[in-house]
């Protein structure tokens, strides 16, 4: 705050505002502070903050009634002291004095520093918690994949089929592991074509004119993906399996041509 006003500078304001809010300034000083605050929004905000802090400090401090004999002792001590009339002089203009740091300003600065410190600590703690949650989610996902892999691969009815692109020039490849006993399967794909934002590949089991959805696959930026799928218990009655580009919420029926797939009947291999 370096702006100057007709009443006082911002530096002088900081010097005098504490005395005003603590009722330790004369009427002239109070008027100059209030006039400056009307022309400087930043200092006006500081003055309001000082007033709130002073009010809070006053409310929190217990009110103690002084002993009745204290007044007499104080007046007696004052009467015994020799009175010397001294007229204070300023050795330099007010504008050049270094502003005093008031108690109210120190309280406000300490409160701000504590607030920023608490916010920084809370942000750091939240970041650490989020990182740990993400790590736990990844670990849980890997564990679930491992459990499903063991379960599917251990099935005596396990069927494994390679997935090939419909357009032979595409580099897309994949594998599907099907266990009709548990109704669970796994599907992996590599080098799949890029999808529009909000789209996914939907897995379909095909039987004649019937299409049954088995799940959704969201590949990464390189077109690689993994997903668990639902496998019909009567898997042997289905002709093939394929993936189509669909909205991320899934479709009731394929809306685009098959991108990759494979026959399920051994006679079709």
Protein backbone atom coordinates (compact mmCIF):
# COMPACT_ATOMS: atom_id res chain seq x y z
CA UNK A 1 0.00 0.00 0.00
CA UNK A 2 1.86 3.07 -1.21
CA UNK A 3 -0.95 5.35 -2.38
CA UNK A 4 -1.13 8.80 -0.71
CA UNK A 5 -4.30 10.69 0.19
CA UNK A 6 -5.10 14.16 1.39
CA UNK A 7 -5.58 13.02 4.98
CA UNK A 8 -2.62 10.65 5.48
CA UNK A 9 -0.55 8.03 3.71
CA UNK A 10 -1.26 4.33 3.91
CA UNK A 11 1.89 3.92 6.03
CA UNK A 12 0.59 6.51 8.49
CA UNK A 13 -2.76 4.74 8.49
CA UNK A 14 -1.18 1.51 9.74
CA UNK A 15 0.57 3.55 12.43
CA UNK A 16 -2.63 5.14 13.67
CA UNK A 17 -5.39 2.58 12.98
CA UNK A 18 -4.47 0.35 15.93
CA UNK A 19 -4.77 3.23 18.36
CA UNK A 20 -8.16 4.15 16.91
CA UNK A 21 -9.70 0.69 17.24
CA UNK A 22 -8.28 0.37 20.80
CA UNK A 23 -9.70 3.81 21.77
CA UNK A 24 -6.17 5.09 22.37
CA UNK A 25 -6.22 7.98 19.84
CA UNK A 26 -7.43 11.56 20.09
CA UNK A 27 -10.36 12.93 18.09
CA UNK A 28 -8.13 14.45 15.40
CA UNK A 29 -6.33 11.17 14.81
CA UNK A 30 -9.65 9.30 14.66
CA UNK A 31 -10.97 11.76 12.07
CA UNK A 32 -7.85 11.45 9.90
CA UNK A 33 -8.01 7.65 10.01
CA UNK A 34 -11.71 7.57 9.10
CA UNK A 35 -11.24 10.13 6.30
CA UNK A 36 -8.40 8.07 4.85
CA UNK A 37 -10.48 4.90 5.03
CA UNK A 38 -13.23 6.56 2.96
CA UNK A 39 -10.78 7.18 0.12
CA UNK A 40 -8.74 3.95 0.29
CA UNK A 41 -10.76 0.72 0.02
CA UNK A 42 -7.78 -1.43 0.99
CA UNK A 43 -7.16 0.47 4.20
CA UNK A 44 -10.90 0.51 4.90
CA UNK A 45 -10.88 -3.27 4.79
CA UNK A 46 -7.92 -3.38 7.18
CA UNK A 47 -9.72 -1.01 9.55
CA UNK A 48 -12.78 -3.29 9.59
CA UNK A 49 -10.51 -6.28 10.28
CA UNK A 50 -8.81 -4.42 13.13
CA UNK A 51 -12.18 -3.56 14.66
CA UNK A 52 -13.37 -7.16 14.51
CA UNK A 53 -10.12 -8.42 16.07
CA UNK A 54 -10.25 -5.81 18.82
CA UNK A 55 -13.87 -6.73 19.54
CA UNK A 56 -13.02 -10.41 19.70
CA UNK A 57 -10.10 -9.77 22.04
CA UNK A 58 -12.24 -7.60 24.25
CA UNK A 59 -14.98 -10.20 24.42
CA UNK A 60 -12.54 -13.00 25.24
CA UNK A 61 -10.75 -11.18 28.07
CA UNK A 62 -12.41 -11.59 31.52
CA UNK A 63 -13.58 -8.36 33.13
CA UNK A 64 -11.89 -7.87 36.54
CA UNK A 65 -13.06 -5.19 38.93
CA UNK A 66 -10.02 -3.38 40.47
CA UNK A 67 -9.81 -3.10 44.27
CA UNK A 68 -11.44 0.04 45.67
CA UNK A 69 -8.19 1.16 47.37
CA UNK A 70 -6.25 1.06 44.06
CA UNK A 71 -7.53 4.50 42.99
CA UNK A 72 -6.23 6.13 46.17
CA UNK A 73 -2.79 4.53 45.86
CA UNK A 74 -2.44 5.61 42.24
CA UNK A 75 -3.48 9.21 42.93
CA UNK A 76 -1.10 9.38 45.91
CA UNK A 77 1.80 8.10 43.85
CA UNK A 78 1.07 10.64 41.12
CA UNK A 79 0.94 13.51 43.62
CA UNK A 80 4.39 12.64 44.98
CA UNK A 81 6.04 12.62 41.55
CA UNK A 82 7.63 15.92 40.43
CA UNK A 83 5.85 17.25 37.37
CA UNK A 84 7.98 18.07 34.37
CA UNK A 85 6.38 19.72 31.40
CA UNK A 86 7.96 18.38 28.22
CA UNK A 87 6.86 19.24 24.72
CA UNK A 88 7.65 16.31 22.44
CA UNK A 89 9.20 17.24 19.15
CA UNK A 90 9.41 15.25 15.94
CA UNK A 91 12.96 14.94 14.68
CA UNK A 92 11.67 14.13 11.19
CA UNK A 93 8.41 14.60 9.33
CA UNK A 94 5.60 12.12 9.95
CA UNK A 95 5.84 10.93 6.35
CA UNK A 96 9.46 9.79 6.93
CA UNK A 97 8.89 7.95 10.20
CA UNK A 98 9.02 4.19 10.11
CA UNK A 99 5.51 2.97 10.92
CA UNK A 100 5.12 1.37 14.33
CA UNK A 101 3.82 -2.19 14.32
CA UNK A 102 0.71 -2.11 16.45
CA UNK A 103 -0.62 -4.92 18.62
CA UNK A 104 -3.77 -5.17 16.55
CA UNK A 105 -1.74 -5.39 13.34
CA UNK A 106 0.38 -8.18 14.85
CA UNK A 107 -2.76 -10.06 15.88
CA UNK A 108 -4.21 -9.70 12.38
CA UNK A 109 -0.95 -10.79 10.72
CA UNK A 110 -0.65 -13.79 13.05
CA UNK A 111 -4.24 -14.79 12.32
CA UNK A 112 -3.64 -14.59 8.57
CA UNK A 113 -0.42 -16.62 8.82
CA UNK A 114 -2.13 -19.25 10.95
CA UNK A 115 -5.02 -19.43 8.50
CA UNK A 116 -2.72 -19.89 5.52
CA UNK A 117 -0.70 -22.45 7.44
CA UNK A 118 -3.82 -24.42 8.32
CA UNK A 119 -5.04 -24.30 4.74
CA UNK A 120 -1.66 -25.45 3.41
CA UNK A 121 -1.55 -28.29 5.93
CA UNK A 122 -5.11 -29.34 5.09
CA UNK A 123 -4.35 -29.26 1.36
CA UNK A 124 -1.20 -31.35 1.84
CA UNK A 125 -3.07 -33.84 4.02
CA UNK A 126 -5.93 -34.10 1.52
CA UNK A 127 -3.45 -34.65 -1.31
CA UNK A 128 -1.76 -37.44 0.63
CA UNK A 129 -5.14 -39.04 1.45
CA UNK A 130 -6.19 -38.87 -2.21
CA UNK A 131 -2.91 -40.44 -3.32
CA UNK A 132 -3.31 -43.25 -0.78
CA UNK A 133 -6.91 -43.82 -1.87
CA UNK A 134 -5.81 -44.01 -5.50
CA UNK A 135 -3.06 -46.47 -4.61
CA UNK A 136 -5.54 -48.58 -2.64
CA UNK A 137 -7.98 -48.53 -5.56
CA UNK A 138 -5.29 -49.62 -8.01
CA UNK A 139 -4.12 -52.38 -5.67
CA UNK A 140 -7.70 -53.55 -5.11
CA UNK A 141 -8.33 -53.57 -8.86
CA UNK A 142 -5.18 -55.61 -9.49
CA UNK A 143 -6.14 -58.05 -6.75
CA UNK A 144 -9.62 -58.43 -8.23
CA UNK A 145 -8.14 -59.06 -11.67
CA UNK A 146 -5.80 -61.67 -10.25
CA UNK A 147 -8.65 -63.42 -8.44
CA UNK A 148 -10.79 -63.45 -11.58
CA UNK A 149 -7.87 -64.64 -13.68
CA UNK A 150 -7.24 -67.56 -11.32
CA UNK A 151 -10.92 -68.43 -11.21
CA UNK A 152 -11.42 -68.26 -14.97
CA UNK A 153 -8.19 -70.09 -15.88
CA UNK A 154 -8.93 -72.85 -13.37
CA UNK A 155 -12.32 -73.64 -14.92
CA UNK A 156 -12.63 -77.01 -16.67
CA UNK A 157 -14.98 -75.33 -19.19
CA UNK A 158 -12.58 -72.50 -20.05
CA UNK A 159 -12.75 -71.29 -23.65
CA UNK A 160 -9.99 -69.05 -25.05
CA UNK A 161 -10.41 -67.26 -28.37
CA UNK A 162 -8.22 -64.71 -30.20
CA UNK A 163 -9.91 -61.49 -31.31
CA UNK A 164 -9.13 -60.25 -34.82
CA UNK A 165 -10.11 -57.02 -36.62
CA UNK A 166 -12.85 -57.09 -39.24
CA UNK A 167 -10.71 -54.79 -41.42
CA UNK A 168 -7.52 -56.79 -41.87
CA UNK A 169 -5.36 -53.70 -42.34
CA UNK A 170 -6.04 -52.62 -38.74
CA UNK A 171 -3.39 -53.62 -36.19
CA UNK A 172 -6.01 -54.35 -33.51
CA UNK A 173 -5.68 -57.65 -31.65
CA UNK A 174 -7.11 -59.21 -28.52
CA UNK A 175 -7.90 -62.29 -26.46
CA UNK A 176 -11.06 -63.38 -24.69
CA UNK A 177 -11.25 -65.90 -21.82
CA UNK A 178 -14.72 -67.36 -21.24
CA UNK A 179 -15.93 -69.41 -18.28
CA UNK A 180 -19.64 -70.33 -18.63
CA UNK A 181 -19.51 -72.20 -15.31
CA UNK A 182 -19.05 -68.98 -13.29
CA UNK A 183 -20.63 -66.69 -15.89
CA UNK A 184 -17.43 -64.64 -15.90
CA UNK A 185 -14.89 -63.81 -18.57
CA UNK A 186 -12.00 -61.49 -19.34
CA UNK A 187 -11.23 -59.59 -22.50
CA UNK A 188 -8.02 -57.80 -23.48
CA UNK A 189 -7.43 -55.65 -26.58
CA UNK A 190 -4.44 -53.87 -28.09
CA UNK A 191 -4.10 -51.10 -30.70
CA UNK A 192 -7.83 -50.44 -30.87
CA UNK A 193 -9.00 -47.44 -32.98
CA UNK A 194 -9.45 -44.22 -31.02
CA UNK A 195 -12.93 -43.47 -29.68
CA UNK A 196 -14.84 -40.21 -29.48
CA UNK A 197 -15.12 -38.54 -26.09
CA UNK A 198 -17.71 -40.35 -23.98
CA UNK A 199 -17.70 -43.53 -26.10
CA UNK A 200 -16.63 -47.09 -25.28
CA UNK A 201 -16.40 -50.45 -26.97
CA UNK A 202 -19.38 -52.66 -26.15
CA UNK A 203 -18.98 -56.45 -26.11
CA UNK A 204 -21.71 -58.53 -27.77
CA UNK A 205 -22.49 -62.23 -27.89
CA UNK A 206 -24.14 -63.10 -31.22
CA UNK A 207 -26.65 -65.89 -31.77
CA UNK A 208 -28.47 -65.69 -35.09
CA UNK A 209 -30.26 -62.35 -35.07
CA UNK A 210 -29.90 -62.04 -31.29
CA UNK A 211 -27.35 -59.70 -29.65
CA UNK A 212 -26.61 -59.91 -25.91
CA UNK A 213 -24.43 -57.26 -24.25
CA UNK A 214 -21.58 -58.61 -22.12
CA UNK A 215 -19.99 -55.37 -20.90
CA UNK A 216 -18.00 -52.28 -21.88
CA UNK A 217 -14.33 -51.70 -22.61
CA UNK A 218 -12.58 -48.32 -22.24
CA UNK A 219 -9.14 -48.48 -23.89
CA UNK A 220 -6.34 -46.13 -22.91
CA UNK A 221 -4.73 -43.56 -25.22
CA UNK A 222 -2.72 -46.31 -26.92
CA UNK A 223 -5.83 -48.36 -27.65
CA UNK A 224 -5.06 -50.99 -25.00
CA UNK A 225 -7.69 -52.18 -22.56
CA UNK A 226 -8.88 -54.86 -20.16
CA UNK A 227 -12.37 -55.62 -18.88
CA UNK A 228 -14.41 -58.29 -17.14
CA UNK A 229 -17.45 -59.52 -19.08
CA UNK A 230 -20.59 -61.53 -18.39
CA UNK A 231 -20.55 -64.95 -20.08
CA UNK A 232 -23.81 -66.79 -20.88
CA UNK A 233 -24.08 -70.18 -19.20
CA UNK A 234 -25.21 -71.59 -22.57
CA UNK A 235 -22.11 -70.25 -24.29
CA UNK A 236 -22.01 -73.18 -26.73
CA UNK A 237 -25.24 -71.94 -28.33
CA UNK A 238 -23.72 -68.62 -29.44
CA UNK A 239 -22.10 -68.11 -32.81
CA UNK A 240 -19.55 -65.36 -32.15
CA UNK A 241 -18.43 -62.45 -30.01
CA UNK A 242 -17.62 -58.93 -31.21
CA UNK A 243 -17.00 -55.33 -30.15
CA UNK A 244 -18.70 -52.20 -31.53
CA UNK A 245 -18.22 -48.47 -30.90
CA UNK A 246 -21.08 -47.30 -28.65
CA UNK A 247 -21.93 -44.45 -26.22
CA UNK A 248 -20.23 -44.84 -22.85
CA UNK A 249 -23.56 -45.63 -21.18
CA UNK A 250 -24.03 -48.63 -23.46
CA UNK A 251 -26.59 -49.45 -26.13
CA UNK A 252 -29.49 -51.88 -26.19
CA UNK A 253 -28.44 -52.95 -29.71
CA UNK A 254 -25.27 -52.44 -31.78
CA UNK A 255 -25.35 -49.12 -33.60
CA UNK A 256 -22.07 -49.41 -35.51
CA UNK A 257 -20.30 -52.20 -37.44
CA UNK A 258 -18.17 -54.71 -35.56
CA UNK A 259 -14.55 -53.60 -35.11
CA UNK A 260 -13.00 -56.77 -33.73
CA UNK A 261 -14.33 -60.23 -32.86
CA UNK A 262 -14.10 -64.00 -33.29
CA UNK A 263 -16.31 -67.06 -33.91
CA UNK A 264 -17.14 -69.19 -30.85
CA UNK A 265 -17.98 -72.50 -32.49
CA UNK A 266 -14.94 -74.71 -32.93
CA UNK A 267 -16.17 -75.67 -36.43
CA UNK A 268 -15.91 -71.98 -37.45
CA UNK A 269 -12.23 -71.63 -36.50
